[in-house]
Amino acid sequence: MVIKRTINKETIKNMPKVLFPGRIHVVQTPWEAEKAVTYLKQYPLLGIDSETRPSFTKGQSHKVALLQVSSEEDCFLFRLNLTGLTLPIISLLESPSVTKIGLSLRDDFMMLHKRAPFEQRACIELQEYVRIFGIQDKSLQKIYGILFGEKISKAQRLSNWEAEHLTEPQKQYAATDAWACLNIYNRLQELKISGDYELAPDEEKEEIINS
């Protein structure tokens, strides 16, 4: 596989759209959260992400509303605006035996820490991890496009994550983002083990050489 260092938005625009193919579970009570965490702790690797209601008023901000945690088959959407950051969820974030994979984790954890104190453990930041493979882009959409030739839609990003009921497009968007982090990591691990990849030429350097 030839890995591109970077990709432009126009190329991504023409790619087929990808959606999380598994089951989506919306978690709205502390009891459901405890049950979900018990299930998730059986996995050694999970993808994670979070969503916060956007603010369109200067000086106004909101607490993180949603935490998405995904295996390959199931994604749990923890509605933190309803449950709070409960002890079972904290125990998952602090667990050294479950590796959490995400992108811009520093921002996610900064928001989560505003709900409750905890010490995250066993986390992999994809923005740093992809550098080993020569990928220079840092957005989830671009990294996914480089590795899979598919587009993650960002249409729901600025929707209301504190709405009484999440819409199907919101659920799909949220689940896809968390699952995509896991999918990216698994693909890179496969390439690392097989060694079956090479870096595409640096286009800027090629232009200088050929000019």
N, C-alpha and C. Protein backbone atom coordinates (compact mmCIF):
# COMPACT_ATOMS: atom_id res chain seq x y z
N MET A 1 0.84 -1.20 0.00
CA MET A 1 0.00 0.00 0.00
C MET A 1 0.88 1.25 0.00
N VAL A 2 0.54 2.20 -0.86
CA VAL A 2 1.25 3.48 -0.90
C VAL A 2 0.49 4.46 -0.01
N ILE A 3 1.17 4.98 1.01
CA ILE A 3 0.53 5.91 1.94
C ILE A 3 0.86 7.35 1.56
N LYS A 4 -0.16 8.14 1.30
CA LYS A 4 0.05 9.56 1.00
C LYS A 4 0.41 10.30 2.28
N ARG A 5 1.25 11.32 2.15
CA ARG A 5 1.60 12.13 3.31
C ARG A 5 0.45 13.06 3.68
N THR A 6 -0.27 13.52 2.67
CA THR A 6 -1.36 14.47 2.89
C THR A 6 -2.40 14.32 1.79
N ILE A 7 -3.58 14.87 2.02
CA ILE A 7 -4.67 14.75 1.06
C ILE A 7 -5.46 16.06 1.10
N ASN A 8 -6.01 16.47 -0.05
CA ASN A 8 -6.75 17.74 -0.05
C ASN A 8 -8.26 17.50 0.06
N LYS A 9 -8.98 18.56 0.42
CA LYS A 9 -10.42 18.46 0.67
C LYS A 9 -11.19 18.08 -0.59
N GLU A 10 -10.70 18.52 -1.74
CA GLU A 10 -11.39 18.22 -3.00
C GLU A 10 -11.39 16.72 -3.28
N THR A 11 -10.26 16.08 -2.99
CA THR A 11 -10.15 14.63 -3.18
C THR A 11 -11.12 13.90 -2.26
N ILE A 12 -11.18 14.35 -1.00
CA ILE A 12 -12.07 13.73 -0.01
C ILE A 12 -13.54 13.88 -0.43
N LYS A 13 -13.87 15.05 -0.98
CA LYS A 13 -15.25 15.34 -1.37
C LYS A 13 -15.81 14.30 -2.33
N ASN A 14 -14.95 13.75 -3.18
CA ASN A 14 -15.38 12.79 -4.20
C ASN A 14 -15.33 11.34 -3.73
N MET A 15 -14.96 11.12 -2.48
CA MET A 15 -14.88 9.75 -1.97
C MET A 15 -16.25 9.26 -1.50
N PRO A 16 -16.47 7.94 -1.52
CA PRO A 16 -17.73 7.41 -0.98
C PRO A 16 -17.79 7.61 0.53
N LYS A 17 -19.00 7.81 1.05
CA LYS A 17 -19.18 8.07 2.47
C LYS A 17 -19.12 6.77 3.28
N VAL A 18 -18.48 6.83 4.43
CA VAL A 18 -18.41 5.67 5.32
C VAL A 18 -19.28 5.91 6.55
N LEU A 19 -19.94 4.85 7.02
CA LEU A 19 -20.74 4.91 8.24
C LEU A 19 -20.39 3.71 9.12
N PHE A 20 -20.47 3.90 10.42
CA PHE A 20 -20.24 2.80 11.35
C PHE A 20 -21.19 1.65 11.01
N PRO A 21 -20.65 0.44 10.79
CA PRO A 21 -21.49 -0.67 10.34
C PRO A 21 -22.12 -1.50 11.47
N GLY A 22 -21.78 -1.19 12.72
CA GLY A 22 -22.24 -2.03 13.83
C GLY A 22 -23.49 -1.52 14.53
N ARG A 23 -23.66 -1.97 15.77
CA ARG A 23 -24.83 -1.61 16.57
C ARG A 23 -24.53 -0.38 17.42
N ILE A 24 -25.50 0.55 17.47
CA ILE A 24 -25.34 1.78 18.26
C ILE A 24 -26.27 1.73 19.47
N HIS A 25 -25.70 1.95 20.65
CA HIS A 25 -26.48 1.91 21.90
C HIS A 25 -26.42 3.30 22.56
N VAL A 26 -27.57 3.89 22.80
CA VAL A 26 -27.63 5.19 23.47
C VAL A 26 -27.79 4.95 24.98
N VAL A 27 -26.86 5.50 25.77
CA VAL A 27 -26.82 5.28 27.21
C VAL A 27 -27.33 6.54 27.91
N GLN A 28 -28.47 6.41 28.62
CA GLN A 28 -29.12 7.61 29.17
C GLN A 28 -29.31 7.58 30.68
N THR A 29 -28.95 6.46 31.33
CA THR A 29 -29.10 6.38 32.79
C THR A 29 -27.81 5.83 33.40
N PRO A 30 -27.54 6.12 34.68
CA PRO A 30 -26.34 5.57 35.34
C PRO A 30 -26.32 4.04 35.31
N TRP A 31 -27.49 3.42 35.43
CA TRP A 31 -27.56 1.95 35.39
C TRP A 31 -27.12 1.43 34.03
N GLU A 32 -27.61 2.06 32.96
CA GLU A 32 -27.21 1.66 31.61
C GLU A 32 -25.71 1.88 31.40
N ALA A 33 -25.19 2.96 31.99
CA ALA A 33 -23.75 3.26 31.87
C ALA A 33 -22.91 2.16 32.52
N GLU A 34 -23.34 1.72 33.70
CA GLU A 34 -22.62 0.66 34.41
C GLU A 34 -22.61 -0.64 33.60
N LYS A 35 -23.75 -0.97 33.05
CA LYS A 35 -23.90 -2.18 32.23
C LYS A 35 -23.01 -2.10 30.97
N ALA A 36 -23.01 -0.93 30.33
CA ALA A 36 -22.22 -0.72 29.11
C ALA A 36 -20.72 -0.85 29.39
N VAL A 37 -20.28 -0.25 30.50
CA VAL A 37 -18.86 -0.29 30.85
C VAL A 37 -18.41 -1.73 31.13
N THR A 38 -19.24 -2.49 31.82
CA THR A 38 -18.93 -3.91 32.09
C THR A 38 -18.70 -4.65 30.78
N TYR A 39 -19.55 -4.38 29.79
CA TYR A 39 -19.42 -5.01 28.48
C TYR A 39 -18.15 -4.54 27.76
N LEU A 40 -17.89 -3.25 27.79
CA LEU A 40 -16.75 -2.69 27.05
C LEU A 40 -15.39 -3.12 27.62
N LYS A 41 -15.35 -3.39 28.92
CA LYS A 41 -14.08 -3.73 29.55
C LYS A 41 -13.51 -5.08 29.11
N GLN A 42 -14.30 -5.86 28.35
CA GLN A 42 -13.79 -7.13 27.84
C GLN A 42 -12.87 -6.93 26.64
N TYR A 43 -12.89 -5.71 26.07
CA TYR A 43 -12.09 -5.43 24.87
C TYR A 43 -10.74 -4.80 25.24
N PRO A 44 -9.65 -5.25 24.61
CA PRO A 44 -8.35 -4.64 24.89
C PRO A 44 -8.16 -3.29 24.20
N LEU A 45 -8.91 -3.05 23.10
CA LEU A 45 -8.79 -1.81 22.32
C LEU A 45 -10.16 -1.22 22.07
N LEU A 46 -10.28 0.09 22.27
CA LEU A 46 -11.53 0.79 22.00
C LEU A 46 -11.25 2.14 21.37
N GLY A 47 -12.13 2.57 20.48
CA GLY A 47 -12.05 3.92 19.93
C GLY A 47 -12.90 4.86 20.77
N ILE A 48 -12.42 6.09 21.00
CA ILE A 48 -13.21 7.04 21.79
C ILE A 48 -13.25 8.42 21.13
N ASP A 49 -14.30 9.16 21.47
CA ASP A 49 -14.47 10.53 20.98
C ASP A 49 -15.50 11.20 21.89
N SER A 50 -15.67 12.50 21.75
CA SER A 50 -16.69 13.19 22.54
C SER A 50 -17.30 14.31 21.70
N GLU A 51 -18.49 14.73 22.11
CA GLU A 51 -19.20 15.83 21.43
C GLU A 51 -19.72 16.81 22.48
N THR A 52 -19.64 18.09 22.13
CA THR A 52 -20.14 19.16 23.00
C THR A 52 -21.09 20.03 22.20
N ARG A 53 -22.18 20.43 22.82
CA ARG A 53 -23.13 21.33 22.15
C ARG A 53 -22.41 22.61 21.76
N PRO A 54 -22.49 23.00 20.49
CA PRO A 54 -21.82 24.24 20.07
C PRO A 54 -22.48 25.48 20.67
N SER A 55 -21.68 26.49 20.87
CA SER A 55 -22.22 27.75 21.38
C SER A 55 -22.08 28.82 20.30
N PHE A 56 -23.16 29.51 20.03
CA PHE A 56 -23.14 30.56 19.01
C PHE A 56 -23.26 31.95 19.64
N THR A 57 -23.13 31.98 20.99
CA THR A 57 -23.19 33.23 21.73
C THR A 57 -21.85 33.49 22.40
N LYS A 58 -21.32 34.67 22.21
CA LYS A 58 -20.02 35.02 22.78
C LYS A 58 -20.04 34.88 24.31
N GLY A 59 -19.03 34.22 24.86
CA GLY A 59 -18.93 34.06 26.30
C GLY A 59 -19.70 32.88 26.87
N GLN A 60 -20.52 32.26 26.04
CA GLN A 60 -21.30 31.10 26.51
C GLN A 60 -20.60 29.80 26.12
N SER A 61 -20.56 28.85 27.02
CA SER A 61 -19.98 27.55 26.70
C SER A 61 -20.81 26.45 27.35
N HIS A 62 -20.62 25.23 26.88
CA HIS A 62 -21.37 24.09 27.41
C HIS A 62 -20.40 23.00 27.85
N LYS A 63 -20.88 22.16 28.76
CA LYS A 63 -20.08 21.01 29.17
C LYS A 63 -20.22 19.91 28.11
N VAL A 64 -19.23 19.02 28.07
CA VAL A 64 -19.28 17.91 27.12
C VAL A 64 -20.56 17.12 27.33
N ALA A 65 -21.27 16.85 26.24
CA ALA A 65 -22.59 16.21 26.32
C ALA A 65 -22.55 14.71 26.03
N LEU A 66 -21.59 14.29 25.22
CA LEU A 66 -21.59 12.90 24.75
C LEU A 66 -20.18 12.32 24.77
N LEU A 67 -20.07 11.10 25.24
CA LEU A 67 -18.82 10.33 25.13
C LEU A 67 -19.13 9.08 24.33
N GLN A 68 -18.41 8.91 23.22
CA GLN A 68 -18.61 7.74 22.37
C GLN A 68 -17.46 6.75 22.60
N VAL A 69 -17.81 5.50 22.85
CA VAL A 69 -16.80 4.45 23.04
C VAL A 69 -17.19 3.28 22.15
N SER A 70 -16.26 2.87 21.28
CA SER A 70 -16.63 1.89 20.26
C SER A 70 -15.66 0.71 20.17
N SER A 71 -16.25 -0.49 20.04
CA SER A 71 -15.50 -1.66 19.61
C SER A 71 -15.73 -1.77 18.11
N GLU A 72 -15.33 -2.87 17.50
CA GLU A 72 -15.58 -3.02 16.07
C GLU A 72 -17.05 -3.27 15.77
N GLU A 73 -17.76 -3.88 16.74
CA GLU A 73 -19.16 -4.27 16.50
C GLU A 73 -20.18 -3.35 17.18
N ASP A 74 -19.81 -2.75 18.30
CA ASP A 74 -20.77 -1.97 19.09
C ASP A 74 -20.21 -0.60 19.46
N CYS A 75 -21.05 0.42 19.38
CA CYS A 75 -20.65 1.74 19.86
C CYS A 75 -21.67 2.22 20.88
N PHE A 76 -21.18 2.64 22.03
CA PHE A 76 -22.03 3.15 23.10
C PHE A 76 -21.90 4.67 23.16
N LEU A 77 -23.05 5.34 23.12
CA LEU A 77 -23.09 6.79 23.20
C LEU A 77 -23.55 7.17 24.60
N PHE A 78 -22.61 7.58 25.44
CA PHE A 78 -22.92 7.94 26.82
C PHE A 78 -23.38 9.40 26.85
N ARG A 79 -24.65 9.62 27.19
CA ARG A 79 -25.21 10.98 27.22
C ARG A 79 -24.87 11.62 28.57
N LEU A 80 -23.70 12.20 28.64
CA LEU A 80 -23.19 12.74 29.90
C LEU A 80 -24.03 13.91 30.42
N ASN A 81 -24.73 14.60 29.54
CA ASN A 81 -25.60 15.69 30.00
C ASN A 81 -26.78 15.15 30.81
N LEU A 82 -27.07 13.84 30.68
CA LEU A 82 -28.14 13.21 31.45
C LEU A 82 -27.62 12.42 32.64
N THR A 83 -26.47 11.75 32.46
CA THR A 83 -25.96 10.85 33.51
C THR A 83 -24.85 11.46 34.35
N GLY A 84 -24.16 12.48 33.80
CA GLY A 84 -22.92 12.93 34.43
C GLY A 84 -21.81 11.94 34.12
N LEU A 85 -20.60 12.25 34.56
CA LEU A 85 -19.46 11.34 34.35
C LEU A 85 -19.42 10.39 35.56
N THR A 86 -20.09 9.26 35.41
CA THR A 86 -20.28 8.34 36.54
C THR A 86 -19.01 7.55 36.84
N LEU A 87 -18.96 6.96 38.03
CA LEU A 87 -17.79 6.19 38.45
C LEU A 87 -17.44 5.04 37.51
N PRO A 88 -18.43 4.27 37.00
CA PRO A 88 -18.08 3.22 36.04
C PRO A 88 -17.39 3.77 34.78
N ILE A 89 -17.88 4.90 34.27
CA ILE A 89 -17.24 5.50 33.07
C ILE A 89 -15.81 5.93 33.41
N ILE A 90 -15.64 6.55 34.57
CA ILE A 90 -14.30 6.96 35.01
C ILE A 90 -13.38 5.74 35.13
N SER A 91 -13.91 4.64 35.65
CA SER A 91 -13.09 3.43 35.81
C SER A 91 -12.61 2.91 34.46
N LEU A 92 -13.42 3.09 33.41
CA LEU A 92 -13.01 2.68 32.05
C LEU A 92 -11.90 3.59 31.54
N LEU A 93 -12.07 4.89 31.74
CA LEU A 93 -11.06 5.86 31.28
C LEU A 93 -9.73 5.70 32.03
N GLU A 94 -9.82 5.22 33.27
CA GLU A 94 -8.61 5.04 34.08
C GLU A 94 -8.00 3.65 33.97
N SER A 95 -8.71 2.73 33.33
CA SER A 95 -8.25 1.34 33.27
C SER A 95 -6.96 1.19 32.44
N PRO A 96 -5.90 0.59 33.03
CA PRO A 96 -4.67 0.38 32.28
C PRO A 96 -4.75 -0.83 31.34
N SER A 97 -5.80 -1.64 31.49
CA SER A 97 -5.89 -2.86 30.68
C SER A 97 -6.75 -2.69 29.42
N VAL A 98 -7.36 -1.50 29.27
CA VAL A 98 -8.14 -1.21 28.06
C VAL A 98 -7.50 0.01 27.38
N THR A 99 -6.95 -0.20 26.20
CA THR A 99 -6.31 0.90 25.47
C THR A 99 -7.37 1.72 24.73
N LYS A 100 -7.38 3.01 25.00
CA LYS A 100 -8.33 3.93 24.36
C LYS A 100 -7.63 4.69 23.23
N ILE A 101 -8.21 4.64 22.04
CA ILE A 101 -7.59 5.27 20.87
C ILE A 101 -8.47 6.41 20.40
N GLY A 102 -7.87 7.58 20.24
CA GLY A 102 -8.66 8.73 19.80
C GLY A 102 -7.80 9.75 19.08
N LEU A 103 -8.44 10.84 18.68
CA LEU A 103 -7.74 11.91 17.97
C LEU A 103 -8.08 13.23 18.66
N SER A 104 -7.07 14.06 18.90
CA SER A 104 -7.23 15.28 19.71
C SER A 104 -7.72 14.93 21.11
N LEU A 105 -7.11 13.91 21.68
CA LEU A 105 -7.52 13.43 23.01
C LEU A 105 -7.32 14.50 24.09
N ARG A 106 -6.33 15.32 23.89
CA ARG A 106 -6.09 16.38 24.88
C ARG A 106 -7.33 17.25 25.05
N ASP A 107 -7.97 17.60 23.92
CA ASP A 107 -9.19 18.42 23.97
C ASP A 107 -10.34 17.65 24.61
N ASP A 108 -10.47 16.37 24.23
CA ASP A 108 -11.55 15.55 24.80
C ASP A 108 -11.42 15.46 26.32
N PHE A 109 -10.21 15.16 26.78
CA PHE A 109 -10.01 14.99 28.22
C PHE A 109 -10.12 16.31 28.98
N MET A 110 -9.72 17.38 28.36
CA MET A 110 -9.86 18.69 28.99
C MET A 110 -11.34 18.98 29.28
N MET A 111 -12.20 18.65 28.32
CA MET A 111 -13.64 18.84 28.50
C MET A 111 -14.21 17.86 29.53
N LEU A 112 -13.77 16.62 29.47
CA LEU A 112 -14.27 15.60 30.41
C LEU A 112 -13.86 15.92 31.85
N HIS A 113 -12.65 16.48 32.02
CA HIS A 113 -12.18 16.84 33.36
C HIS A 113 -13.04 17.94 34.00
N LYS A 114 -13.76 18.70 33.17
CA LYS A 114 -14.64 19.73 33.72
C LYS A 114 -15.89 19.11 34.35
N ARG A 115 -16.16 17.86 34.03
CA ARG A 115 -17.30 17.15 34.62
C ARG A 115 -16.92 16.42 35.90
N ALA A 116 -15.69 15.86 35.93
CA ALA A 116 -15.24 15.13 37.13
C ALA A 116 -13.74 14.90 37.03
N PRO A 117 -13.04 14.84 38.18
CA PRO A 117 -11.60 14.56 38.13
C PRO A 117 -11.33 13.07 37.90
N PHE A 118 -10.34 12.78 37.07
CA PHE A 118 -9.89 11.40 36.86
C PHE A 118 -8.52 11.45 36.20
N GLU A 119 -7.84 10.31 36.19
CA GLU A 119 -6.53 10.20 35.52
C GLU A 119 -6.63 9.17 34.41
N GLN A 120 -6.67 9.65 33.16
CA GLN A 120 -6.78 8.74 32.03
C GLN A 120 -5.50 7.90 31.88
N ARG A 121 -5.68 6.64 31.53
CA ARG A 121 -4.54 5.74 31.35
C ARG A 121 -4.71 4.94 30.06
N ALA A 122 -3.59 4.44 29.55
CA ALA A 122 -3.57 3.57 28.37
C ALA A 122 -4.28 4.22 27.18
N CYS A 123 -3.80 5.39 26.78
CA CYS A 123 -4.41 6.12 25.65
C CYS A 123 -3.42 6.28 24.51
N ILE A 124 -3.90 6.20 23.30
CA ILE A 124 -3.07 6.40 22.10
C ILE A 124 -3.64 7.58 21.32
N GLU A 125 -2.81 8.59 21.09
CA GLU A 125 -3.20 9.77 20.32
C GLU A 125 -2.84 9.53 18.85
N LEU A 126 -3.85 9.44 18.00
CA LEU A 126 -3.62 9.13 16.58
C LEU A 126 -2.82 10.21 15.85
N GLN A 127 -3.00 11.47 16.25
CA GLN A 127 -2.25 12.54 15.57
C GLN A 127 -0.74 12.31 15.69
N GLU A 128 -0.31 11.75 16.80
CA GLU A 128 1.11 11.43 16.98
C GLU A 128 1.45 10.09 16.33
N TYR A 129 0.56 9.12 16.48
CA TYR A 129 0.85 7.76 16.01
C TYR A 129 1.02 7.70 14.49
N VAL A 130 0.21 8.48 13.73
CA VAL A 130 0.28 8.40 12.27
C VAL A 130 1.60 8.95 11.72
N ARG A 131 2.28 9.78 12.51
CA ARG A 131 3.56 10.35 12.04
C ARG A 131 4.60 9.26 11.73
N ILE A 132 4.55 8.17 12.48
CA ILE A 132 5.48 7.05 12.27
C ILE A 132 5.37 6.54 10.84
N PHE A 133 4.18 6.67 10.26
CA PHE A 133 3.91 6.16 8.91
C PHE A 133 4.05 7.25 7.85
N GLY A 134 4.50 8.44 8.26
CA GLY A 134 4.73 9.53 7.33
C GLY A 134 3.52 10.37 7.01
N ILE A 135 2.40 10.10 7.68
CA ILE A 135 1.18 10.89 7.43
C ILE A 135 1.29 12.23 8.16
N GLN A 136 1.12 13.31 7.41
CA GLN A 136 1.29 14.65 7.98
C GLN A 136 -0.04 15.30 8.39
N ASP A 137 -1.14 14.83 7.80
CA ASP A 137 -2.44 15.40 8.14
C ASP A 137 -2.84 15.03 9.57
N LYS A 138 -3.64 15.91 10.20
CA LYS A 138 -4.01 15.68 11.59
C LYS A 138 -5.51 15.51 11.81
N SER A 139 -6.33 15.75 10.79
CA SER A 139 -7.77 15.62 10.99
C SER A 139 -8.19 14.17 10.76
N LEU A 140 -9.22 13.74 11.50
CA LEU A 140 -9.72 12.38 11.37
C LEU A 140 -10.18 12.11 9.95
N GLN A 141 -10.88 13.07 9.37
CA GLN A 141 -11.41 12.91 8.02
C GLN A 141 -10.28 12.67 7.00
N LYS A 142 -9.22 13.44 7.11
CA LYS A 142 -8.12 13.31 6.15
C LYS A 142 -7.32 12.01 6.36
N ILE A 143 -7.06 11.67 7.62
CA ILE A 143 -6.32 10.44 7.90
C ILE A 143 -7.11 9.24 7.40
N TYR A 144 -8.43 9.26 7.64
CA TYR A 144 -9.27 8.14 7.19
C TYR A 144 -9.29 8.07 5.66
N GLY A 145 -9.37 9.22 5.03
CA GLY A 145 -9.36 9.26 3.56
C GLY A 145 -8.08 8.70 2.97
N ILE A 146 -6.96 9.01 3.59
CA ILE A 146 -5.65 8.51 3.12
C ILE A 146 -5.60 6.99 3.21
N LEU A 147 -6.06 6.44 4.32
CA LEU A 147 -5.91 5.00 4.57
C LEU A 147 -7.00 4.14 3.94
N PHE A 148 -8.21 4.68 3.79
CA PHE A 148 -9.33 3.86 3.34
C PHE A 148 -9.99 4.34 2.05
N GLY A 149 -9.67 5.55 1.61
CA GLY A 149 -10.31 6.07 0.39
C GLY A 149 -11.80 6.30 0.58
N GLU A 150 -12.20 6.59 1.83
CA GLU A 150 -13.61 6.85 2.14
C GLU A 150 -13.73 8.14 2.95
N LYS A 151 -14.92 8.74 2.89
CA LYS A 151 -15.13 10.05 3.50
C LYS A 151 -15.99 9.95 4.75
N ILE A 152 -15.53 10.57 5.85
CA ILE A 152 -16.34 10.71 7.05
C ILE A 152 -17.06 12.04 6.96
N SER A 153 -18.39 12.00 6.95
CA SER A 153 -19.17 13.24 6.85
C SER A 153 -19.09 14.02 8.16
N LYS A 154 -18.99 15.33 8.04
CA LYS A 154 -18.93 16.20 9.23
C LYS A 154 -20.21 17.05 9.37
N ALA A 155 -21.26 16.63 8.67
CA ALA A 155 -22.50 17.44 8.61
C ALA A 155 -23.16 17.66 9.97
N GLN A 156 -23.00 16.72 10.89
CA GLN A 156 -23.69 16.81 12.19
C GLN A 156 -22.84 17.45 13.29
N ARG A 157 -21.64 17.84 12.98
CA ARG A 157 -20.70 18.29 14.01
C ARG A 157 -21.27 19.42 14.87
N LEU A 158 -21.93 20.38 14.27
CA LEU A 158 -22.44 21.55 15.01
C LEU A 158 -23.92 21.42 15.38
N SER A 159 -24.40 20.19 15.46
CA SER A 159 -25.81 20.00 15.87
C SER A 159 -25.92 20.04 17.39
N ASN A 160 -27.14 20.02 17.91
CA ASN A 160 -27.36 20.12 19.35
C ASN A 160 -27.22 18.75 20.02
N TRP A 161 -26.11 18.56 20.71
CA TRP A 161 -25.82 17.27 21.35
C TRP A 161 -26.53 17.14 22.70
N GLU A 162 -27.26 18.18 23.11
CA GLU A 162 -28.05 18.10 24.35
C GLU A 162 -29.55 18.00 24.05
N ALA A 163 -29.89 17.77 22.80
CA ALA A 163 -31.30 17.66 22.42
C ALA A 163 -31.96 16.52 23.20
N GLU A 164 -33.28 16.62 23.38
CA GLU A 164 -33.99 15.59 24.15
C GLU A 164 -33.77 14.20 23.54
N HIS A 165 -33.84 14.13 22.22
CA HIS A 165 -33.60 12.86 21.52
C HIS A 165 -32.55 13.10 20.42
N LEU A 166 -31.55 12.26 20.38
CA LEU A 166 -30.56 12.34 19.30
C LEU A 166 -31.17 11.78 18.03
N THR A 167 -30.93 12.46 16.91
CA THR A 167 -31.45 11.98 15.63
C THR A 167 -30.58 10.82 15.12
N GLU A 168 -31.11 10.08 14.17
CA GLU A 168 -30.33 8.98 13.58
C GLU A 168 -29.04 9.50 12.94
N PRO A 169 -29.07 10.62 12.18
CA PRO A 169 -27.81 11.14 11.64
C PRO A 169 -26.80 11.51 12.73
N GLN A 170 -27.28 12.06 13.87
CA GLN A 170 -26.38 12.37 14.98
C GLN A 170 -25.74 11.10 15.53
N LYS A 171 -26.55 10.07 15.74
CA LYS A 171 -26.04 8.80 16.27
C LYS A 171 -24.99 8.20 15.33
N GLN A 172 -25.30 8.21 14.04
CA GLN A 172 -24.36 7.65 13.05
C GLN A 172 -23.05 8.43 13.02
N TYR A 173 -23.17 9.75 13.05
CA TYR A 173 -21.98 10.61 13.04
C TYR A 173 -21.10 10.32 14.26
N ALA A 174 -21.72 10.32 15.44
CA ALA A 174 -20.98 10.13 16.68
C ALA A 174 -20.31 8.76 16.74
N ALA A 175 -21.05 7.73 16.35
CA ALA A 175 -20.51 6.37 16.37
C ALA A 175 -19.39 6.21 15.34
N THR A 176 -19.57 6.79 14.17
CA THR A 176 -18.56 6.66 13.11
C THR A 176 -17.24 7.27 13.53
N ASP A 177 -17.27 8.41 14.20
CA ASP A 177 -16.02 9.07 14.62
C ASP A 177 -15.22 8.21 15.60
N ALA A 178 -15.90 7.63 16.58
CA ALA A 178 -15.19 6.80 17.57
C ALA A 178 -14.68 5.51 16.93
N TRP A 179 -15.52 4.87 16.13
CA TRP A 179 -15.14 3.62 15.45
C TRP A 179 -14.01 3.86 14.45
N ALA A 180 -14.03 5.00 13.77
CA ALA A 180 -13.00 5.32 12.78
C ALA A 180 -11.61 5.37 13.43
N CYS A 181 -11.54 5.87 14.66
CA CYS A 181 -10.25 5.92 15.37
C CYS A 181 -9.70 4.52 15.57
N LEU A 182 -10.57 3.60 15.98
CA LEU A 182 -10.16 2.20 16.17
C LEU A 182 -9.78 1.57 14.84
N ASN A 183 -10.56 1.86 13.80
CA ASN A 183 -10.32 1.30 12.47
C ASN A 183 -8.97 1.76 11.91
N ILE A 184 -8.66 3.04 12.10
CA ILE A 184 -7.36 3.59 11.66
C ILE A 184 -6.22 2.88 12.37
N TYR A 185 -6.33 2.75 13.68
CA TYR A 185 -5.26 2.11 14.46
C TYR A 185 -5.05 0.65 14.01
N ASN A 186 -6.15 -0.08 13.83
CA ASN A 186 -6.05 -1.48 13.41
C ASN A 186 -5.39 -1.60 12.04
N ARG A 187 -5.74 -0.70 11.12
CA ARG A 187 -5.13 -0.73 9.78
C ARG A 187 -3.63 -0.45 9.87
N LEU A 188 -3.26 0.54 10.66
CA LEU A 188 -1.83 0.87 10.79
C LEU A 188 -1.05 -0.28 11.45
N GLN A 189 -1.68 -0.95 12.40
CA GLN A 189 -1.03 -2.10 13.03
C GLN A 189 -0.80 -3.22 12.03
N GLU A 190 -1.80 -3.45 11.17
CA GLU A 190 -1.67 -4.47 10.11
C GLU A 190 -0.50 -4.14 9.19
N LEU A 191 -0.41 -2.88 8.78
CA LEU A 191 0.66 -2.44 7.88
C LEU A 191 2.02 -2.54 8.56
N LYS A 192 2.05 -2.22 9.84
CA LYS A 192 3.30 -2.27 10.61
C LYS A 192 3.82 -3.71 10.71
N ILE A 193 2.91 -4.64 10.97
CA ILE A 193 3.29 -6.05 11.11
C ILE A 193 3.71 -6.64 9.77
N SER A 194 2.95 -6.32 8.71
CA SER A 194 3.25 -6.89 7.39
C SER A 194 4.40 -6.17 6.70
N GLY A 195 4.58 -4.88 7.04
CA GLY A 195 5.60 -4.07 6.36
C GLY A 195 5.23 -3.76 4.93
N ASP A 196 3.97 -4.07 4.57
CA ASP A 196 3.52 -3.94 3.18
C ASP A 196 3.00 -2.53 2.89
N TYR A 197 3.87 -1.54 3.05
CA TYR A 197 3.48 -0.17 2.72
C TYR A 197 4.72 0.64 2.37
N GLU A 198 4.50 1.70 1.62
CA GLU A 198 5.57 2.65 1.31
C GLU A 198 4.99 4.04 1.26
N LEU A 199 5.84 5.01 1.51
CA LEU A 199 5.39 6.41 1.50
C LEU A 199 5.32 6.93 0.08
N ALA A 200 4.26 7.63 -0.23
CA ALA A 200 4.17 8.30 -1.52
C ALA A 200 5.23 9.40 -1.57
N PRO A 201 5.75 9.73 -2.76
CA PRO A 201 6.73 10.82 -2.85
C PRO A 201 6.15 12.11 -2.31
N ASP A 202 6.99 12.94 -1.72
CA ASP A 202 6.56 14.25 -1.24
C ASP A 202 6.32 15.13 -2.46
N GLU A 203 5.07 15.48 -2.70
CA GLU A 203 4.70 16.20 -3.94
C GLU A 203 5.40 17.55 -4.06
N GLU A 204 5.56 18.26 -2.94
CA GLU A 204 6.22 19.57 -3.00
C GLU A 204 7.67 19.42 -3.43
N LYS A 205 8.37 18.42 -2.87
CA LYS A 205 9.77 18.20 -3.24
C LYS A 205 9.87 17.77 -4.71
N GLU A 206 8.91 16.92 -5.15
CA GLU A 206 8.90 16.47 -6.54
C GLU A 206 8.77 17.66 -7.50
N GLU A 207 7.91 18.62 -7.12
CA GLU A 207 7.72 19.80 -7.98
C GLU A 207 8.99 20.62 -8.07
N ILE A 208 9.71 20.75 -6.95
CA ILE A 208 10.98 21.52 -6.93
C ILE A 208 12.02 20.83 -7.82
N ILE A 209 12.11 19.49 -7.68
CA ILE A 209 13.09 18.71 -8.45
C ILE A 209 12.80 18.81 -9.94
N ASN A 210 11.50 18.75 -10.29
CA ASN A 210 11.12 18.74 -11.69
C ASN A 210 11.00 20.12 -12.33
N SER A 211 11.11 21.18 -11.51
CA SER A 211 10.93 22.53 -12.08
C SER A 211 12.23 23.05 -12.67
